Amino acid sequence: MTERRRRRIEQVLRQRQKDLTLVLANIHDPHNVSAIYRSCDAFGVASVHLYYTTCAFPVLSRKTSASARKWVETVRHDDRQSLFAALRARPCQVLATSCSASARPVGDYDFTKPTAIIMGNEHAGVPDELLPCVDGEAYIPMFGMIQSFNVSVAAALMLAEASRQRREAGMYERMGWTDGEYAERLALWLEK
C-alpha cells in the first residue's frame, strides 16, 4: 500500500459519521440498493441497517456496489425488535421517510443529533409495523406533479441535508470514534 492511499484511508475514516445511519427496509431493486450504498459512502455514513422481512436482500453486482459496500458496515435484521434494539442502544432519533399528514419537511429535523433514517421501498414505503416506533416522519419538499423521488435519490437528498447540517456544525472536522474504535476500524480498512 502506498503512503498516499494510507493517508486517504485515514482521512476518510476520521470523517465517518458513526451516529448517522440509514435503514433499508425491504428495498428489492439491486440498482437502488447499490446507489444508496454509494451515497452512504460519499456522505460519510459508517453503517447501514438492513431490514428485510418480505423479500430477500437483493443480489448486488460486484461491479457497481462492491467498492462502496466494502467501506460501509452492514448490520442485518429480520425482525422489528432487533432493529429497534440496535438503534435505541446508540441512542438516536429514528425518522421514517413518509408522505403522511404528520410528516415534516426534512429540513425541520436536527441531523446533528445521532440519527437513523428508515427508507422504504418505492411501492409500499416504510413498513407499517415500523411507523409506531419512530420519533418522526420526514419528507423532501417537491414542487412538481410527481409525488415521490426514486428511493436512491431520496436517500441521497436526505443524506445531503444531514451532511449540510453536520458540515456547518464542524462534525466532519472532529473524529467521532474513540481511539480504540478508530484503531480497530483502521486495521480492517487497511486490509481491504
Protein backbone atom coordinates (compact mmCIF):
# COMPACT_ATOMS: atom_id res chain seq x y z
CA MET A 1 0.00 0.00 0.00
CA THR A 2 1.28 3.42 -0.89
CA GLU A 3 1.64 6.13 1.72
CA ARG A 4 -0.82 8.26 -0.26
CA ARG A 5 -3.50 5.56 -0.14
CA ARG A 6 -2.95 5.04 3.58
CA ARG A 7 -3.36 8.77 4.25
CA ARG A 8 -6.58 8.80 2.19
CA ILE A 9 -7.98 5.86 4.17
CA GLU A 10 -7.09 7.55 7.48
CA GLN A 11 -8.71 10.83 6.39
CA VAL A 12 -11.94 9.19 5.20
CA LEU A 13 -12.22 7.06 8.34
CA ARG A 14 -11.70 10.09 10.62
CA GLN A 15 -14.62 11.84 8.86
CA ARG A 16 -17.04 8.90 9.11
CA GLN A 17 -20.24 9.81 10.95
CA LYS A 18 -20.74 6.84 13.27
CA ASP A 19 -24.01 8.27 14.62
CA LEU A 20 -25.73 8.77 11.25
CA THR A 21 -27.22 5.69 9.61
CA LEU A 22 -29.80 4.55 7.11
CA VAL A 23 -32.18 1.63 7.46
CA LEU A 24 -33.08 -0.02 4.15
CA ALA A 25 -36.49 -1.63 4.63
CA ASN A 26 -37.41 -4.27 2.05
CA ILE A 27 -35.85 -2.38 -0.87
CA HIS A 28 -35.73 -5.07 -3.53
CA ASP A 29 -34.18 -3.33 -6.54
CA PRO A 30 -30.42 -4.06 -6.55
CA HIS A 31 -29.64 -0.91 -8.56
CA ASN A 32 -31.31 1.26 -5.92
CA VAL A 33 -29.55 -0.53 -3.07
CA SER A 34 -26.18 -0.14 -4.82
CA ALA A 35 -26.81 3.56 -5.40
CA ILE A 36 -27.78 4.03 -1.74
CA TYR A 37 -24.53 2.41 -0.59
CA ARG A 38 -22.58 4.75 -2.86
CA SER A 39 -24.38 7.75 -1.33
CA CYS A 40 -23.71 6.46 2.18
CA ASP A 41 -20.00 6.21 1.44
CA ALA A 42 -19.96 9.63 -0.21
CA PHE A 43 -21.66 11.34 2.75
CA GLY A 44 -19.55 9.54 5.36
CA VAL A 45 -22.18 7.18 6.76
CA ALA A 46 -20.40 4.48 8.76
CA SER A 47 -23.08 1.79 8.73
CA VAL A 48 -26.33 0.73 7.07
CA HIS A 49 -29.00 -1.40 8.71
CA LEU A 50 -30.89 -3.85 6.52
CA TYR A 51 -34.46 -4.76 7.49
CA TYR A 52 -35.67 -7.45 5.11
CA THR A 53 -38.83 -9.28 6.17
CA THR A 54 -40.88 -9.60 2.97
CA CYS A 55 -38.11 -10.25 0.46
CA ALA A 56 -34.52 -11.39 0.39
CA PHE A 57 -31.70 -8.89 0.29
CA PRO A 58 -31.04 -8.35 -3.43
CA VAL A 59 -28.00 -9.78 -5.14
CA LEU A 60 -25.78 -6.82 -5.90
CA SER A 61 -23.38 -6.67 -8.78
CA ARG A 62 -19.77 -6.70 -7.67
CA LYS A 63 -19.02 -4.15 -10.33
CA THR A 64 -21.48 -1.49 -9.17
CA SER A 65 -21.62 -1.94 -5.40
CA ALA A 66 -18.56 -3.76 -4.09
CA SER A 67 -16.38 -0.68 -3.93
CA ALA A 68 -18.93 1.26 -1.84
CA ARG A 69 -20.20 -1.66 0.27
CA LYS A 70 -16.74 -2.59 1.49
CA TRP A 71 -16.38 0.83 3.16
CA VAL A 72 -19.83 0.89 4.80
CA GLU A 73 -20.60 -1.58 7.59
CA THR A 74 -23.77 -3.64 7.11
CA VAL A 75 -25.97 -4.76 10.00
CA ARG A 76 -28.80 -7.18 9.18
CA HIS A 77 -32.15 -7.52 10.98
CA ASP A 78 -35.06 -9.84 10.26
CA ASP A 79 -37.44 -8.50 12.90
CA ARG A 80 -38.55 -5.16 14.29
CA GLN A 81 -37.34 -5.91 17.81
CA SER A 82 -33.72 -6.48 16.85
CA LEU A 83 -33.71 -3.42 14.58
CA PHE A 84 -35.00 -1.05 17.24
CA ALA A 85 -32.88 -2.62 19.98
CA ALA A 86 -29.81 -1.83 17.87
CA LEU A 87 -30.96 1.70 17.03
CA ARG A 88 -32.03 2.59 20.57
CA ALA A 89 -28.77 1.24 22.02
CA ARG A 90 -26.97 4.11 20.31
CA PRO A 91 -29.31 6.06 21.27
CA CYS A 92 -30.58 8.05 18.30
CA GLN A 93 -33.62 9.73 16.86
CA VAL A 94 -35.32 7.43 14.37
CA LEU A 95 -37.03 9.05 11.39
CA ALA A 96 -39.07 7.39 8.67
CA THR A 97 -39.49 8.79 5.19
CA SER A 98 -43.18 9.39 4.63
CA CYS A 99 -45.79 11.42 2.79
CA SER A 100 -48.32 11.21 5.63
CA ALA A 101 -50.14 14.22 7.04
CA SER A 102 -47.92 14.12 10.15
CA ALA A 103 -44.65 14.16 8.17
CA ARG A 104 -42.49 17.30 8.34
CA PRO A 105 -40.01 18.66 5.78
CA VAL A 106 -36.58 17.06 6.12
CA GLY A 107 -35.01 20.45 6.90
CA ASP A 108 -37.14 20.73 10.06
CA TYR A 109 -35.13 17.98 11.75
CA ASP A 110 -31.82 18.40 13.58
CA PHE A 111 -29.40 15.99 11.94
CA THR A 112 -26.55 16.98 14.21
CA LYS A 113 -28.21 14.62 16.69
CA PRO A 114 -27.49 10.90 16.34
CA THR A 115 -29.98 9.86 13.66
CA ALA A 116 -31.28 6.80 11.82
CA ILE A 117 -33.39 7.34 8.69
CA ILE A 118 -35.64 4.50 7.54
CA MET A 119 -36.05 4.27 3.78
CA GLY A 120 -38.87 2.07 2.46
CA ASN A 121 -39.33 0.63 -0.99
CA GLU A 122 -40.93 2.73 -3.71
CA HIS A 123 -44.20 0.79 -3.85
CA ALA A 124 -45.09 0.22 -0.21
CA GLY A 125 -42.94 2.80 1.59
CA VAL A 126 -41.72 2.20 5.13
CA PRO A 127 -43.34 -0.97 6.52
CA ASP A 128 -46.39 -0.20 8.67
CA GLU A 129 -45.02 -2.18 11.62
CA LEU A 130 -42.08 0.25 11.95
CA LEU A 131 -44.04 3.51 11.96
CA PRO A 132 -45.34 3.33 15.57
CA CYS A 133 -41.72 3.03 16.75
CA VAL A 134 -40.27 6.11 15.03
CA ASP A 135 -39.69 9.55 16.53
CA GLY A 136 -40.83 11.43 13.44
CA GLU A 137 -41.66 11.24 9.77
CA ALA A 138 -39.83 13.31 7.15
CA TYR A 139 -40.42 14.19 3.53
CA ILE A 140 -38.47 16.04 0.87
CA PRO A 141 -40.41 19.08 -0.36
CA MET A 142 -41.31 18.76 -4.05
CA PHE A 143 -42.95 21.21 -6.42
CA GLY A 144 -43.85 19.11 -9.44
CA MET A 145 -46.60 16.71 -10.41
CA ILE A 146 -44.75 13.57 -9.28
CA GLN A 147 -45.26 12.77 -5.60
CA SER A 148 -42.02 10.99 -4.75
CA PHE A 149 -38.41 10.53 -5.73
CA ASN A 150 -36.77 7.25 -6.60
CA VAL A 151 -35.65 5.73 -3.27
CA SER A 152 -31.96 6.04 -4.09
CA VAL A 153 -32.40 9.71 -4.99
CA ALA A 154 -34.45 10.29 -1.82
CA ALA A 155 -31.72 8.66 0.28
CA ALA A 156 -29.08 10.90 -1.29
CA LEU A 157 -31.19 14.02 -0.70
CA MET A 158 -31.85 13.09 2.94
CA LEU A 159 -28.14 12.46 3.48
CA ALA A 160 -27.24 15.71 1.71
CA GLU A 161 -29.38 17.64 4.23
CA ALA A 162 -27.83 15.75 7.14
CA SER A 163 -24.36 16.38 5.71
CA ARG A 164 -25.06 20.09 5.24
CA GLN A 165 -26.10 20.47 8.87
CA ARG A 166 -23.17 18.41 10.12
CA ARG A 167 -20.65 20.33 7.99
CA GLU A 168 -21.97 23.64 9.34
CA ALA A 169 -21.59 22.26 12.87
CA GLY A 170 -17.99 21.15 12.16
CA MET A 171 -18.78 17.48 12.70
CA TYR A 172 -16.66 16.27 9.76
CA GLU A 173 -13.67 18.11 11.21
CA ARG A 174 -13.66 16.23 14.52
CA MET A 175 -13.42 12.49 14.78
CA GLY A 176 -16.43 10.73 16.30
CA TRP A 177 -14.61 7.46 17.04
CA THR A 178 -12.84 6.67 20.27
CA ASP A 179 -9.14 5.94 19.81
CA GLY A 180 -9.85 2.21 20.20
CA GLU A 181 -12.71 2.24 17.69
CA TYR A 182 -10.59 4.14 15.20
CA ALA A 183 -7.60 1.79 15.57
CA GLU A 184 -9.84 -1.28 15.14
CA ARG A 185 -11.53 0.08 12.03
CA LEU A 186 -8.29 1.35 10.55
CA ALA A 187 -6.75 -2.11 10.81
CA LEU A 188 -9.77 -3.57 8.97
CA TRP A 189 -9.76 -0.87 6.30
CA LEU A 190 -6.04 -1.28 5.62
CA GLU A 191 -6.68 -4.93 4.77
CA LYS A 192 -9.32 -4.09 2.11
